[in-house]
Amino acid sequence: MIIILKPEATQAEIDHLTQKIKEHGLTPHLSAGQERRLIGVIGDERAIQNMPLSIFPGVESVLPVLAPYKLVSREFKRENSVIPLGDGVTIGGKQVPVMAGPCAVETQAQVLGIAKAVRSAGARLLRGGAFKPRTSPYAFQGLGEEGLQYLAEAKKITGLPVITEVVDPRDIELVAQYADVLQIGARNMQNFRLLTEVGKYHKPVLLKRGLSATIKEFLLSAEYIMSGGNHRVILCERGIRTFETMTRNTLDLAAVPLIKGLSHLPVVVDPSHATGRWDLVAPMALAAVAAGADGLLIEVHGNPEEALSDGEESLKPAKFAAMMTELRKVATAVGREI
């Protein structure tokens, strides 16, 4: 349920109300929007069904939340969530930040060279995988902490905030020391232990949609993170598995405006993993911005032919720079900025 507070509600009244909710085993989440403040109540609401919440001091009204995802829903928060990512970069507002870099961190020189190139072209964050969960156990699995150190060095030199994937609850503390944004990959979208643990942190989390996940399942996974107290969640559409074999996945661009109607969270699109083809990345990136995406996740590699991971979908720096020029035109046309 949602408890809407009166504009004049005092902190003492709010504290009294939240304490009563906690005493009944439920969790209150305070949200302060532009127009109003409200408290989302999470848990078995039967415990307070006989409590006259509407007569508590400071309470204006009490409303049920019909969606199964409570904190994620537009019912909980009408305004778009604008999340700071570091270095003055935000997502969810007018800016459409581009997060670019190699699929996998390979060498220090590789990461730094790509970071400089994408920064020069206008990227706002550096992406790169230090831990790489792969379909085959024999494929390159990433450099681990060594890769995180390379990303940190690139950030120090270029100023780009870092986004990188965390795949194991035991690694969250380590990855959080280096990363500005924690990424949860598609294969871990329903790794509920991992989602619960990152929910305890206050780092922004980019959550990718699972290979065959419905939008409802996707939003409920985001709810796991937010119910733990971390409301800095970014959703990422990266294509879903269908019968089509000409592309790696099928990019569900309709999910962007659909999710933005259901949820206040920012929505990012990853056209690299969605298509699996470098020649389709730019067209789908342009279409994503036109559809209302709040950001893009793009793979860039200086020598895709020798990439240790996903070279076939990686743009060379020159192609990335050309795409950025076209993206600015589309962004301007829809009232946004890259």
C-alpha atoms as a PDB file:
ATOM      1  CA  MET A   1       0.000   0.000   0.000  1.00  0.00           C
ATOM      2  CA  ILE A   2       0.938   3.657  -0.276  1.00  0.00           C
ATOM      3  CA  ILE A   3       0.440   6.168   2.510  1.00  0.00           C
ATOM      4  CA  ILE A   4       0.220   9.710   1.154  1.00  0.00           C
ATOM      5  CA  LEU A   5       1.449  12.299   3.634  1.00  0.00           C
ATOM      6  CA  LYS A   6       0.023  15.749   4.168  1.00  0.00           C
ATOM      7  CA  PRO A   7       2.258  18.578   2.927  1.00  0.00           C
ATOM      8  CA  GLU A   8       2.612  19.845   6.499  1.00  0.00           C
ATOM      9  CA  ALA A   9       3.462  16.441   8.027  1.00  0.00           C
ATOM     10  CA  THR A  10       6.295  16.791  10.538  1.00  0.00           C
ATOM     11  CA  GLN A  11       9.298  14.523  10.871  1.00  0.00           C
ATOM     12  CA  ALA A  12       8.068  13.434  14.293  1.00  0.00           C
ATOM     13  CA  GLU A  13       4.736  12.344  12.776  1.00  0.00           C
ATOM     14  CA  ILE A  14       6.513  10.441  10.017  1.00  0.00           C
ATOM     15  CA  ASP A  15       8.820   8.741  12.530  1.00  0.00           C
ATOM     16  CA  HIS A  16       5.847   7.709  14.674  1.00  0.00           C
ATOM     17  CA  LEU A  17       4.035   6.233  11.677  1.00  0.00           C
ATOM     18  CA  THR A  18       7.051   4.333  10.332  1.00  0.00           C
ATOM     19  CA  GLN A  19       7.810   2.941  13.768  1.00  0.00           C
ATOM     20  CA  LYS A  20       4.272   1.549  14.071  1.00  0.00           C
ATOM     21  CA  ILE A  21       4.617  -0.069  10.632  1.00  0.00           C
ATOM     22  CA  LYS A  22       7.921  -1.697  11.613  1.00  0.00           C
ATOM     23  CA  GLU A  23       6.424  -3.015  14.854  1.00  0.00           C
ATOM     24  CA  HIS A  24       4.032  -5.084  12.747  1.00  0.00           C
ATOM     25  CA  GLY A  25       6.865  -6.642  10.713  1.00  0.00           C
ATOM     26  CA  LEU A  26       6.508  -4.501   7.578  1.00  0.00           C
ATOM     27  CA  THR A  27       9.048  -2.244   5.903  1.00  0.00           C
ATOM     28  CA  PRO A  28       8.306   1.443   5.173  1.00  0.00           C
ATOM     29  CA  HIS A  29      10.007   3.218   2.247  1.00  0.00           C
ATOM     30  CA  LEU A  30       9.790   7.004   2.198  1.00  0.00           C
ATOM     31  CA  SER A  31       9.644   8.693  -1.207  1.00  0.00           C
ATOM     32  CA  ALA A  32       9.887  12.451  -1.603  1.00  0.00           C
ATOM     33  CA  GLY A  33       8.591  13.538  -5.010  1.00  0.00           C
ATOM     34  CA  GLN A  34       8.183  17.005  -6.463  1.00  0.00           C
ATOM     35  CA  GLU A  35       4.485  17.157  -5.606  1.00  0.00           C
ATOM     36  CA  ARG A  36       4.128  15.022  -2.491  1.00  0.00           C
ATOM     37  CA  ARG A  37       5.764  12.725   0.041  1.00  0.00           C
ATOM     38  CA  LEU A  38       4.562   9.203   0.545  1.00  0.00           C
ATOM     39  CA  ILE A  39       5.451   5.972   2.289  1.00  0.00           C
ATOM     40  CA  GLY A  40       5.407   2.654   0.477  1.00  0.00           C
ATOM     41  CA  VAL A  41       4.631  -0.254   2.806  1.00  0.00           C
ATOM     42  CA  ILE A  42       6.192  -3.590   1.851  1.00  0.00           C
ATOM     43  CA  GLY A  43       5.313  -6.942   3.404  1.00  0.00           C
ATOM     44  CA  ASP A  44       2.240  -8.924   4.417  1.00  0.00           C
ATOM     45  CA  GLU A  45      -0.310  -6.128   4.696  1.00  0.00           C
ATOM     46  CA  ARG A  46      -2.723  -8.366   6.571  1.00  0.00           C
ATOM     47  CA  ALA A  47      -0.684  -7.532   9.682  1.00  0.00           C
ATOM     48  CA  ILE A  48      -1.966  -3.942   9.583  1.00  0.00           C
ATOM     49  CA  GLN A  49      -5.317  -4.363   7.864  1.00  0.00           C
ATOM     50  CA  ASN A  50      -7.129  -3.424  11.066  1.00  0.00           C
ATOM     51  CA  MET A  51      -4.857  -0.505  11.872  1.00  0.00           C
ATOM     52  CA  PRO A  52      -6.592   2.838  11.083  1.00  0.00           C
ATOM     53  CA  LEU A  53      -3.618   4.336   9.243  1.00  0.00           C
ATOM     54  CA  SER A  54      -5.707   7.151   7.774  1.00  0.00           C
ATOM     55  CA  ILE A  55      -6.226   8.736  11.204  1.00  0.00           C
ATOM     56  CA  PHE A  56      -2.521   8.919  12.067  1.00  0.00           C
ATOM     57  CA  PRO A  57      -1.219  12.508  12.333  1.00  0.00           C
ATOM     58  CA  GLY A  58       0.321  13.649   9.056  1.00  0.00           C
ATOM     59  CA  VAL A  59      -1.541  11.103   6.881  1.00  0.00           C
ATOM     60  CA  GLU A  60      -3.657  12.406   4.006  1.00  0.00           C
ATOM     61  CA  SER A  61      -4.855   9.108   2.517  1.00  0.00           C
ATOM     62  CA  VAL A  62      -4.034   5.402   2.114  1.00  0.00           C
ATOM     63  CA  LEU A  63      -4.111   3.703  -1.286  1.00  0.00           C
ATOM     64  CA  PRO A  64      -3.564   0.099  -2.393  1.00  0.00           C
ATOM     65  CA  VAL A  65      -0.854  -0.677  -4.945  1.00  0.00           C
ATOM     66  CA  LEU A  66      -2.311  -3.006  -7.537  1.00  0.00           C
ATOM     67  CA  ALA A  67       0.945  -3.883  -9.308  1.00  0.00           C
ATOM     68  CA  PRO A  68       2.915  -6.810  -7.826  1.00  0.00           C
ATOM     69  CA  TYR A  69       6.055  -4.647  -8.035  1.00  0.00           C
ATOM     70  CA  LYS A  70       5.382  -1.957  -5.440  1.00  0.00           C
ATOM     71  CA  LEU A  71       8.444   0.297  -5.169  1.00  0.00           C
ATOM     72  CA  VAL A  72       9.204   0.031  -8.875  1.00  0.00           C
ATOM     73  CA  SER A  73       5.752   1.174  -9.969  1.00  0.00           C
ATOM     74  CA  ARG A  74       4.487   4.572 -11.090  1.00  0.00           C
ATOM     75  CA  GLU A  75       1.951   4.296  -8.301  1.00  0.00           C
ATOM     76  CA  PHE A  76       4.765   4.576  -5.783  1.00  0.00           C
ATOM     77  CA  LYS A  77       6.472   7.464  -7.587  1.00  0.00           C
ATOM     78  CA  ARG A  78       4.904   9.549 -10.343  1.00  0.00           C
ATOM     79  CA  GLU A  79       8.043  11.471 -11.334  1.00  0.00           C
ATOM     80  CA  ASN A  80      10.902   9.868 -13.240  1.00  0.00           C
ATOM     81  CA  SER A  81      13.743   8.821 -10.972  1.00  0.00           C
ATOM     82  CA  VAL A  82      16.906  10.755 -11.823  1.00  0.00           C
ATOM     83  CA  ILE A  83      19.954   8.848 -10.624  1.00  0.00           C
ATOM     84  CA  PRO A  84      23.457  10.371 -10.242  1.00  0.00           C
ATOM     85  CA  LEU A  85      26.183   8.182 -11.744  1.00  0.00           C
ATOM     86  CA  GLY A  86      29.269  10.228 -10.900  1.00  0.00           C
ATOM     87  CA  ASP A  87      31.252  13.105 -12.426  1.00  0.00           C
ATOM     88  CA  GLY A  88      28.068  15.156 -12.857  1.00  0.00           C
ATOM     89  CA  VAL A  89      26.404  12.490 -14.997  1.00  0.00           C
ATOM     90  CA  THR A  90      22.766  11.634 -14.309  1.00  0.00           C
ATOM     91  CA  ILE A  91      20.307   9.231 -15.878  1.00  0.00           C
ATOM     92  CA  GLY A  92      16.546   9.508 -16.046  1.00  0.00           C
ATOM     93  CA  GLY A  93      16.367  13.204 -16.908  1.00  0.00           C
ATOM     94  CA  LYS A  94      17.222  15.142 -20.057  1.00  0.00           C
ATOM     95  CA  GLN A  95      20.653  13.547 -20.417  1.00  0.00           C
ATOM     96  CA  VAL A  96      20.979  10.283 -22.358  1.00  0.00           C
ATOM     97  CA  PRO A  97      24.394   9.064 -21.206  1.00  0.00           C
ATOM     98  CA  VAL A  98      26.268   6.606 -23.397  1.00  0.00           C
ATOM     99  CA  MET A  99      28.217   3.911 -21.540  1.00  0.00           C
ATOM    100  CA  ALA A 100      30.912   2.552 -23.827  1.00  0.00           C
ATOM    101  CA  GLY A 101      33.908   0.274 -23.710  1.00  0.00           C
ATOM    102  CA  PRO A 102      35.079  -3.298 -24.301  1.00  0.00           C
ATOM    103  CA  CYS A 103      32.956  -6.311 -23.470  1.00  0.00           C
ATOM    104  CA  ALA A 104      35.906  -7.750 -21.553  1.00  0.00           C
ATOM    105  CA  VAL A 105      38.900  -6.061 -19.971  1.00  0.00           C
ATOM    106  CA  GLU A 106      41.952  -7.641 -21.590  1.00  0.00           C
ATOM    107  CA  THR A 107      45.009  -5.443 -20.923  1.00  0.00           C
ATOM    108  CA  GLN A 108      45.767  -2.125 -19.274  1.00  0.00           C
ATOM    109  CA  ALA A 109      46.708  -0.546 -22.619  1.00  0.00           C
ATOM    110  CA  GLN A 110      43.529  -1.826 -24.261  1.00  0.00           C
ATOM    111  CA  VAL A 111      41.238  -0.350 -21.614  1.00  0.00           C
ATOM    112  CA  LEU A 112      43.003   2.995 -21.435  1.00  0.00           C
ATOM    113  CA  GLY A 113      43.116   3.375 -25.218  1.00  0.00           C
ATOM    114  CA  ILE A 114      39.403   2.656 -25.584  1.00  0.00           C
ATOM    115  CA  ALA A 115      38.537   4.897 -22.617  1.00  0.00           C
ATOM    116  CA  LYS A 116      40.318   7.844 -24.195  1.00  0.00           C
ATOM    117  CA  ALA A 117      38.642   7.206 -27.551  1.00  0.00           C
ATOM    118  CA  VAL A 118      35.087   6.928 -26.245  1.00  0.00           C
ATOM    119  CA  ARG A 119      35.568   9.927 -23.929  1.00  0.00           C
ATOM    120  CA  SER A 120      36.724  12.000 -26.892  1.00  0.00           C
ATOM    121  CA  ALA A 121      33.623  10.928 -28.842  1.00  0.00           C
ATOM    122  CA  GLY A 122      31.259  11.926 -26.029  1.00  0.00           C
ATOM    123  CA  ALA A 123      30.702   8.817 -23.904  1.00  0.00           C
ATOM    124  CA  ARG A 124      29.808   9.587 -20.279  1.00  0.00           C
ATOM    125  CA  LEU A 125      30.771   6.242 -18.637  1.00  0.00           C
ATOM    126  CA  LEU A 126      33.352   3.537 -19.255  1.00  0.00           C
ATOM    127  CA  ARG A 127      31.998  -0.014 -19.414  1.00  0.00           C
ATOM    128  CA  GLY A 128      34.122  -3.141 -19.252  1.00  0.00           C
ATOM    129  CA  GLY A 129      33.804  -6.650 -17.862  1.00  0.00           C
ATOM    130  CA  ALA A 130      36.355  -7.775 -15.278  1.00  0.00           C
ATOM    131  CA  PHE A 131      34.242 -10.809 -14.358  1.00  0.00           C
ATOM    132  CA  LYS A 132      32.766 -12.471 -17.455  1.00  0.00           C
ATOM    133  CA  PRO A 133      30.169 -15.236 -17.007  1.00  0.00           C
ATOM    134  CA  ARG A 134      30.155 -17.171 -20.282  1.00  0.00           C
ATOM    135  CA  THR A 135      28.012 -19.872 -21.826  1.00  0.00           C
ATOM    136  CA  SER A 136      31.029 -22.154 -22.072  1.00  0.00           C
ATOM    137  CA  PRO A 137      33.156 -22.853 -18.971  1.00  0.00           C
ATOM    138  CA  TYR A 138      36.217 -22.957 -21.260  1.00  0.00           C
ATOM    139  CA  ALA A 139      35.755 -19.431 -22.630  1.00  0.00           C
ATOM    140  CA  PHE A 140      37.639 -16.416 -21.256  1.00  0.00           C
ATOM    141  CA  GLN A 141      36.156 -15.597 -17.847  1.00  0.00           C
ATOM    142  CA  GLY A 142      37.754 -12.211 -17.222  1.00  0.00           C
ATOM    143  CA  LEU A 143      40.739 -10.899 -15.272  1.00  0.00           C
ATOM    144  CA  GLY A 144      38.950 -10.373 -11.965  1.00  0.00           C
ATOM    145  CA  GLU A 145      40.516  -7.809  -9.635  1.00  0.00           C
ATOM    146  CA  GLU A 146      43.342  -7.134 -12.082  1.00  0.00           C
ATOM    147  CA  GLY A 147      40.728  -6.006 -14.594  1.00  0.00           C
ATOM    148  CA  LEU A 148      39.046  -3.807 -11.982  1.00  0.00           C
ATOM    149  CA  GLN A 149      42.380  -2.116 -11.348  1.00  0.00           C
ATOM    150  CA  TYR A 150      42.772  -1.383 -15.059  1.00  0.00           C
ATOM    151  CA  LEU A 151      39.305   0.194 -15.111  1.00  0.00           C
ATOM    152  CA  ALA A 152      40.150   2.300 -12.050  1.00  0.00           C
ATOM    153  CA  GLU A 153      43.355   3.526 -13.700  1.00  0.00           C
ATOM    154  CA  ALA A 154      41.426   4.464 -16.852  1.00  0.00           C
ATOM    155  CA  LYS A 155      38.903   6.366 -14.721  1.00  0.00           C
ATOM    156  CA  LYS A 156      41.711   8.240 -12.977  1.00  0.00           C
ATOM    157  CA  ILE A 157      43.168   9.358 -16.305  1.00  0.00           C
ATOM    158  CA  THR A 158      39.979  10.069 -18.280  1.00  0.00           C
ATOM    159  CA  GLY A 159      37.523  10.999 -15.503  1.00  0.00           C
ATOM    160  CA  LEU A 160      34.931   8.531 -16.812  1.00  0.00           C
ATOM    161  CA  PRO A 161      32.853   6.801 -14.110  1.00  0.00           C
ATOM    162  CA  VAL A 162      33.037   3.007 -14.369  1.00  0.00           C
ATOM    163  CA  ILE A 163      30.252   0.454 -14.825  1.00  0.00           C
ATOM    164  CA  THR A 164      31.168  -3.216 -14.526  1.00  0.00           C
ATOM    165  CA  GLU A 165      29.412  -6.494 -13.818  1.00  0.00           C
ATOM    166  CA  VAL A 166      29.206  -8.316 -10.508  1.00  0.00           C
ATOM    167  CA  VAL A 167      28.311 -12.006 -10.764  1.00  0.00           C
ATOM    168  CA  ASP A 168      28.706 -13.360  -7.236  1.00  0.00           C
ATOM    169  CA  PRO A 169      27.436 -12.005  -3.905  1.00  0.00           C
ATOM    170  CA  ARG A 170      30.910 -12.667  -2.474  1.00  0.00           C
ATOM    171  CA  ASP A 171      32.437 -10.202  -4.953  1.00  0.00           C
ATOM    172  CA  ILE A 172      30.121  -7.235  -4.348  1.00  0.00           C
ATOM    173  CA  GLU A 173      32.352  -5.564  -1.767  1.00  0.00           C
ATOM    174  CA  LEU A 174      35.389  -5.893  -4.053  1.00  0.00           C
ATOM    175  CA  VAL A 175      33.645  -4.631  -7.184  1.00  0.00           C
ATOM    176  CA  ALA A 176      32.031  -1.749  -5.287  1.00  0.00           C
ATOM    177  CA  GLN A 177      35.488  -0.485  -4.328  1.00  0.00           C
ATOM    178  CA  TYR A 178      36.268   0.155  -7.995  1.00  0.00           C
ATOM    179  CA  ALA A 179      32.940   0.656  -9.779  1.00  0.00           C
ATOM    180  CA  ASP A 180      30.575   3.635  -9.794  1.00  0.00           C
ATOM    181  CA  VAL A 181      27.718   1.498 -11.167  1.00  0.00           C
ATOM    182  CA  LEU A 182      27.182  -2.221 -10.507  1.00  0.00           C
ATOM    183  CA  GLN A 183      25.850  -4.232 -13.440  1.00  0.00           C
ATOM    184  CA  ILE A 184      23.716  -7.356 -13.052  1.00  0.00           C
ATOM    185  CA  GLY A 185      23.853  -9.386 -16.251  1.00  0.00           C
ATOM    186  CA  ALA A 186      20.967 -11.049 -18.061  1.00  0.00           C
ATOM    187  CA  ARG A 187      21.915 -14.503 -16.783  1.00  0.00           C
ATOM    188  CA  ASN A 188      21.706 -13.238 -13.209  1.00  0.00           C
ATOM    189  CA  MET A 189      18.444 -11.282 -13.507  1.00  0.00           C
ATOM    190  CA  GLN A 190      16.718 -13.850 -11.288  1.00  0.00           C
ATOM    191  CA  ASN A 191      19.674 -14.619  -9.056  1.00  0.00           C
ATOM    192  CA  PHE A 192      17.655 -13.434  -6.084  1.00  0.00           C
ATOM    193  CA  ARG A 193      20.485 -13.827  -3.589  1.00  0.00           C
ATOM    194  CA  LEU A 194      22.646 -11.500  -5.678  1.00  0.00           C
ATOM    195  CA  LEU A 195      19.790  -9.020  -6.125  1.00  0.00           C
ATOM    196  CA  THR A 196      19.091  -9.001  -2.400  1.00  0.00           C
ATOM    197  CA  GLU A 197      22.738  -8.358  -1.557  1.00  0.00           C
ATOM    198  CA  VAL A 198      23.232  -5.444  -3.994  1.00  0.00           C
ATOM    199  CA  GLY A 199      20.028  -4.022  -2.527  1.00  0.00           C
ATOM    200  CA  LYS A 200      21.981  -3.434   0.681  1.00  0.00           C
ATOM    201  CA  TYR A 201      24.392  -1.070  -1.078  1.00  0.00           C
ATOM    202  CA  HIS A 202      23.789   2.481  -2.249  1.00  0.00           C
ATOM    203  CA  LYS A 203      25.662   2.199  -5.526  1.00  0.00           C
ATOM    204  CA  PRO A 204      23.571   2.572  -8.685  1.00  0.00           C
ATOM    205  CA  VAL A 205      22.677  -0.827 -10.142  1.00  0.00           C
ATOM    206  CA  LEU A 206      22.071  -1.510 -13.829  1.00  0.00           C
ATOM    207  CA  LEU A 207      19.839  -4.573 -14.121  1.00  0.00           C
ATOM    208  CA  LYS A 208      19.681  -6.339 -17.489  1.00  0.00           C
ATOM    209  CA  ARG A 209      16.565  -8.120 -18.664  1.00  0.00           C
ATOM    210  CA  GLY A 210      16.890 -11.913 -18.731  1.00  0.00           C
ATOM    211  CA  LEU A 211      17.145 -13.897 -21.943  1.00  0.00           C
ATOM    212  CA  SER A 212      13.509 -15.008 -21.844  1.00  0.00           C
ATOM    213  CA  ALA A 213      12.096 -12.781 -19.114  1.00  0.00           C
ATOM    214  CA  THR A 214       8.717 -11.135 -19.326  1.00  0.00           C
ATOM    215  CA  ILE A 215       8.485  -7.473 -18.410  1.00  0.00           C
ATOM    216  CA  LYS A 216       6.625  -8.395 -15.223  1.00  0.00           C
ATOM    217  CA  GLU A 217       9.454 -10.739 -14.195  1.00  0.00           C
ATOM    218  CA  PHE A 218      11.983  -8.040 -15.067  1.00  0.00           C
ATOM    219  CA  LEU A 219      10.276  -5.452 -12.869  1.00  0.00           C
ATOM    220  CA  LEU A 220       9.892  -7.906 -10.006  1.00  0.00           C
ATOM    221  CA  SER A 221      13.650  -8.528 -10.117  1.00  0.00           C
ATOM    222  CA  ALA A 222      14.176  -4.783  -9.771  1.00  0.00           C
ATOM    223  CA  GLU A 223      11.786  -4.905  -6.805  1.00  0.00           C
ATOM    224  CA  TYR A 224      14.161  -7.302  -5.035  1.00  0.00           C
ATOM    225  CA  ILE A 225      16.910  -4.663  -5.183  1.00  0.00           C
ATOM    226  CA  MET A 226      14.693  -1.773  -4.145  1.00  0.00           C
ATOM    227  CA  SER A 227      13.064  -3.692  -1.296  1.00  0.00           C
ATOM    228  CA  GLY A 228      16.532  -3.984   0.224  1.00  0.00           C
ATOM    229  CA  GLY A 229      16.785  -0.199   0.430  1.00  0.00           C
ATOM    230  CA  ASN A 230      18.705   0.610  -2.761  1.00  0.00           C
ATOM    231  CA  HIS A 231      16.437   2.720  -4.974  1.00  0.00           C
ATOM    232  CA  ARG A 232      19.163   3.603  -7.498  1.00  0.00           C
ATOM    233  CA  VAL A 233      18.114   1.009 -10.062  1.00  0.00           C
ATOM    234  CA  ILE A 234      18.490   1.321 -13.837  1.00  0.00           C
ATOM    235  CA  LEU A 235      16.697  -1.132 -16.136  1.00  0.00           C
ATOM    236  CA  CYS A 236      18.383  -2.380 -19.316  1.00  0.00           C
ATOM    237  CA  GLU A 237      16.652  -3.892 -22.329  1.00  0.00           C
ATOM    238  CA  ARG A 238      19.240  -6.076 -24.103  1.00  0.00           C
ATOM    239  CA  GLY A 239      17.132  -8.235 -26.365  1.00  0.00           C
ATOM    240  CA  ILE A 240      15.246 -11.442 -25.690  1.00  0.00           C
ATOM    241  CA  ARG A 241      15.506 -14.932 -27.126  1.00  0.00           C
ATOM    242  CA  THR A 242      13.081 -15.691 -29.975  1.00  0.00           C
ATOM    243  CA  PHE A 243      12.961 -18.080 -32.950  1.00  0.00           C
ATOM    244  CA  GLU A 244      14.944 -15.609 -35.095  1.00  0.00           C
ATOM    245  CA  THR A 245      18.519 -16.715 -35.885  1.00  0.00           C
ATOM    246  CA  MET A 246      19.798 -13.814 -38.008  1.00  0.00           C
ATOM    247  CA  THR A 247      20.521 -11.777 -34.881  1.00  0.00           C
ATOM    248  CA  ARG A 248      21.906 -12.837 -31.511  1.00  0.00           C
ATOM    249  CA  ASN A 249      18.677 -11.787 -29.784  1.00  0.00           C
ATOM    250  CA  THR A 250      15.558  -9.824 -30.710  1.00  0.00           C
ATOM    251  CA  LEU A 251      15.662  -6.234 -29.474  1.00  0.00           C
ATOM    252  CA  ASP A 252      12.332  -5.427 -27.845  1.00  0.00           C
ATOM    253  CA  LEU A 253      12.205  -1.663 -28.349  1.00  0.00           C
ATOM    254  CA  ALA A 254       8.513  -1.594 -27.465  1.00  0.00           C
ATOM    255  CA  ALA A 255       9.635  -2.473 -23.934  1.00  0.00           C
ATOM    256  CA  VAL A 256      11.153   0.989 -23.512  1.00  0.00           C
ATOM    257  CA  PRO A 257       7.961   3.100 -23.615  1.00  0.00           C
ATOM    258  CA  LEU A 258       5.977   0.249 -22.052  1.00  0.00           C
ATOM    259  CA  ILE A 259       8.241   0.018 -19.004  1.00  0.00           C
ATOM    260  CA  LYS A 260       8.444   3.801 -18.684  1.00  0.00           C
ATOM    261  CA  GLY A 261       4.657   3.821 -18.422  1.00  0.00           C
ATOM    262  CA  LEU A 262       4.726   1.201 -15.677  1.00  0.00           C
ATOM    263  CA  SER A 263       7.767   2.337 -13.734  1.00  0.00           C
ATOM    264  CA  HIS A 264       9.583   5.519 -12.697  1.00  0.00           C
ATOM    265  CA  LEU A 265      13.011   3.884 -13.157  1.00  0.00           C
ATOM    266  CA  PRO A 266      15.360   4.853 -16.028  1.00  0.00           C
ATOM    267  CA  VAL A 267      15.505   2.465 -18.991  1.00  0.00           C
ATOM    268  CA  VAL A 268      18.735   1.831 -20.921  1.00  0.00           C
ATOM    269  CA  VAL A 269      19.145  -0.103 -24.183  1.00  0.00           C
ATOM    270  CA  ASP A 270      22.074  -2.369 -25.085  1.00  0.00           C
ATOM    271  CA  PRO A 271      21.984  -2.736 -28.887  1.00  0.00           C
ATOM    272  CA  SER A 272      25.318  -4.581 -28.919  1.00  0.00           C
ATOM    273  CA  HIS A 273      24.128  -7.707 -27.100  1.00  0.00           C
ATOM    274  CA  ALA A 274      20.644  -7.350 -28.549  1.00  0.00           C
ATOM    275  CA  THR A 275      21.782  -7.711 -32.158  1.00  0.00           C
ATOM    276  CA  GLY A 276      25.173  -9.409 -31.903  1.00  0.00           C
ATOM    277  CA  ARG A 277      26.208  -7.577 -35.078  1.00  0.00           C
ATOM    278  CA  TRP A 278      28.310  -4.424 -35.191  1.00  0.00           C
ATOM    279  CA  ASP A 279      26.555  -3.187 -38.346  1.00  0.00           C
ATOM    280  CA  LEU A 280      23.187  -3.145 -36.541  1.00  0.00           C
ATOM    281  CA  VAL A 281      24.376  -1.405 -33.386  1.00  0.00           C
ATOM    282  CA  ALA A 282      24.182   2.191 -34.649  1.00  0.00           C
ATOM    283  CA  PRO A 283      20.721   1.898 -36.279  1.00  0.00           C
ATOM    284  CA  MET A 284      19.279   0.291 -33.145  1.00  0.00           C
ATOM    285  CA  ALA A 285      20.963   2.865 -30.908  1.00  0.00           C
ATOM    286  CA  LEU A 286      19.330   5.670 -32.908  1.00  0.00           C
ATOM    287  CA  ALA A 287      15.962   3.916 -32.725  1.00  0.00           C
ATOM    288  CA  ALA A 288      16.340   3.406 -28.965  1.00  0.00           C
ATOM    289  CA  VAL A 289      16.856   7.120 -28.318  1.00  0.00           C
ATOM    290  CA  ALA A 290      13.873   7.917 -30.522  1.00  0.00           C
ATOM    291  CA  ALA A 291      11.797   5.413 -28.510  1.00  0.00           C
ATOM    292  CA  GLY A 292      12.647   7.186 -25.249  1.00  0.00           C
ATOM    293  CA  ALA A 293      15.648   5.293 -23.886  1.00  0.00           C
ATOM    294  CA  ASP A 294      17.409   7.086 -21.033  1.00  0.00           C
ATOM    295  CA  GLY A 295      20.848   5.720 -21.907  1.00  0.00           C
ATOM    296  CA  LEU A 296      22.816   3.345 -24.110  1.00  0.00           C
ATOM    297  CA  LEU A 297      25.313   0.572 -23.423  1.00  0.00           C
ATOM    298  CA  ILE A 298      27.703   0.156 -26.371  1.00  0.00           C
ATOM    299  CA  GLU A 299      30.619  -2.218 -26.898  1.00  0.00           C
ATOM    300  CA  VAL A 300      33.754  -0.676 -28.418  1.00  0.00           C
ATOM    301  CA  HIS A 301      37.043  -2.417 -29.229  1.00  0.00           C
ATOM    302  CA  GLY A 302      40.155  -1.239 -31.037  1.00  0.00           C
ATOM    303  CA  ASN A 303      40.677  -4.578 -32.778  1.00  0.00           C
ATOM    304  CA  PRO A 304      37.422  -6.586 -32.746  1.00  0.00           C
ATOM    305  CA  GLU A 305      38.969  -9.385 -34.821  1.00  0.00           C
ATOM    306  CA  GLU A 306      41.156 -10.330 -31.857  1.00  0.00           C
ATOM    307  CA  ALA A 307      38.736  -9.496 -29.018  1.00  0.00           C
ATOM    308  CA  LEU A 308      38.538 -12.130 -26.302  1.00  0.00           C
ATOM    309  CA  SER A 309      34.781 -11.606 -26.027  1.00  0.00           C
ATOM    310  CA  ASP A 310      32.023 -10.470 -28.434  1.00  0.00           C
ATOM    311  CA  GLY A 311      34.210  -8.940 -31.117  1.00  0.00           C
ATOM    312  CA  GLU A 312      31.469  -9.456 -33.717  1.00  0.00           C
ATOM    313  CA  GLU A 313      29.236  -6.904 -32.015  1.00  0.00           C
ATOM    314  CA  SER A 314      31.883  -4.335 -31.088  1.00  0.00           C
ATOM    315  CA  LEU A 315      32.293  -1.001 -32.844  1.00  0.00           C
ATOM    316  CA  LYS A 316      35.712   0.327 -33.708  1.00  0.00           C
ATOM    317  CA  PRO A 317      36.411   3.776 -32.198  1.00  0.00           C
ATOM    318  CA  ALA A 318      35.893   5.579 -35.522  1.00  0.00           C
ATOM    319  CA  LYS A 319      32.505   3.902 -36.045  1.00  0.00           C
ATOM    320  CA  PHE A 320      31.556   4.760 -32.476  1.00  0.00           C
ATOM    321  CA  ALA A 321      32.431   8.435 -33.003  1.00  0.00           C
ATOM    322  CA  ALA A 322      30.347   8.529 -36.193  1.00  0.00           C
ATOM    323  CA  MET A 323      27.398   6.976 -34.345  1.00  0.00           C
ATOM    324  CA  MET A 324      27.673   9.573 -31.575  1.00  0.00           C
ATOM    325  CA  THR A 325      27.345  12.360 -34.148  1.00  0.00           C
ATOM    326  CA  GLU A 326      24.102  10.863 -35.426  1.00  0.00           C
ATOM    327  CA  LEU A 327      22.830  10.187 -31.906  1.00  0.00           C
ATOM    328  CA  ARG A 328      23.096  13.881 -31.028  1.00  0.00           C
ATOM    329  CA  LYS A 329      20.789  14.722 -33.928  1.00  0.00           C
ATOM    330  CA  VAL A 330      18.143  12.240 -32.792  1.00  0.00           C
ATOM    331  CA  ALA A 331      18.449  13.311 -29.165  1.00  0.00           C
ATOM    332  CA  THR A 332      17.946  16.949 -30.108  1.00  0.00           C
ATOM    333  CA  ALA A 333      14.885  16.048 -32.177  1.00  0.00           C
ATOM    334  CA  VAL A 334      13.219  14.389 -29.172  1.00  0.00           C
ATOM    335  CA  GLY A 335      14.204  17.075 -26.654  1.00  0.00           C
ATOM    336  CA  ARG A 336      17.103  15.190 -25.057  1.00  0.00           C
ATOM    337  CA  GLU A 337      20.876  15.536 -25.082  1.00  0.00           C
ATOM    338  CA  ILE A 338      23.746  13.021 -25.375  1.00  0.00           C
END
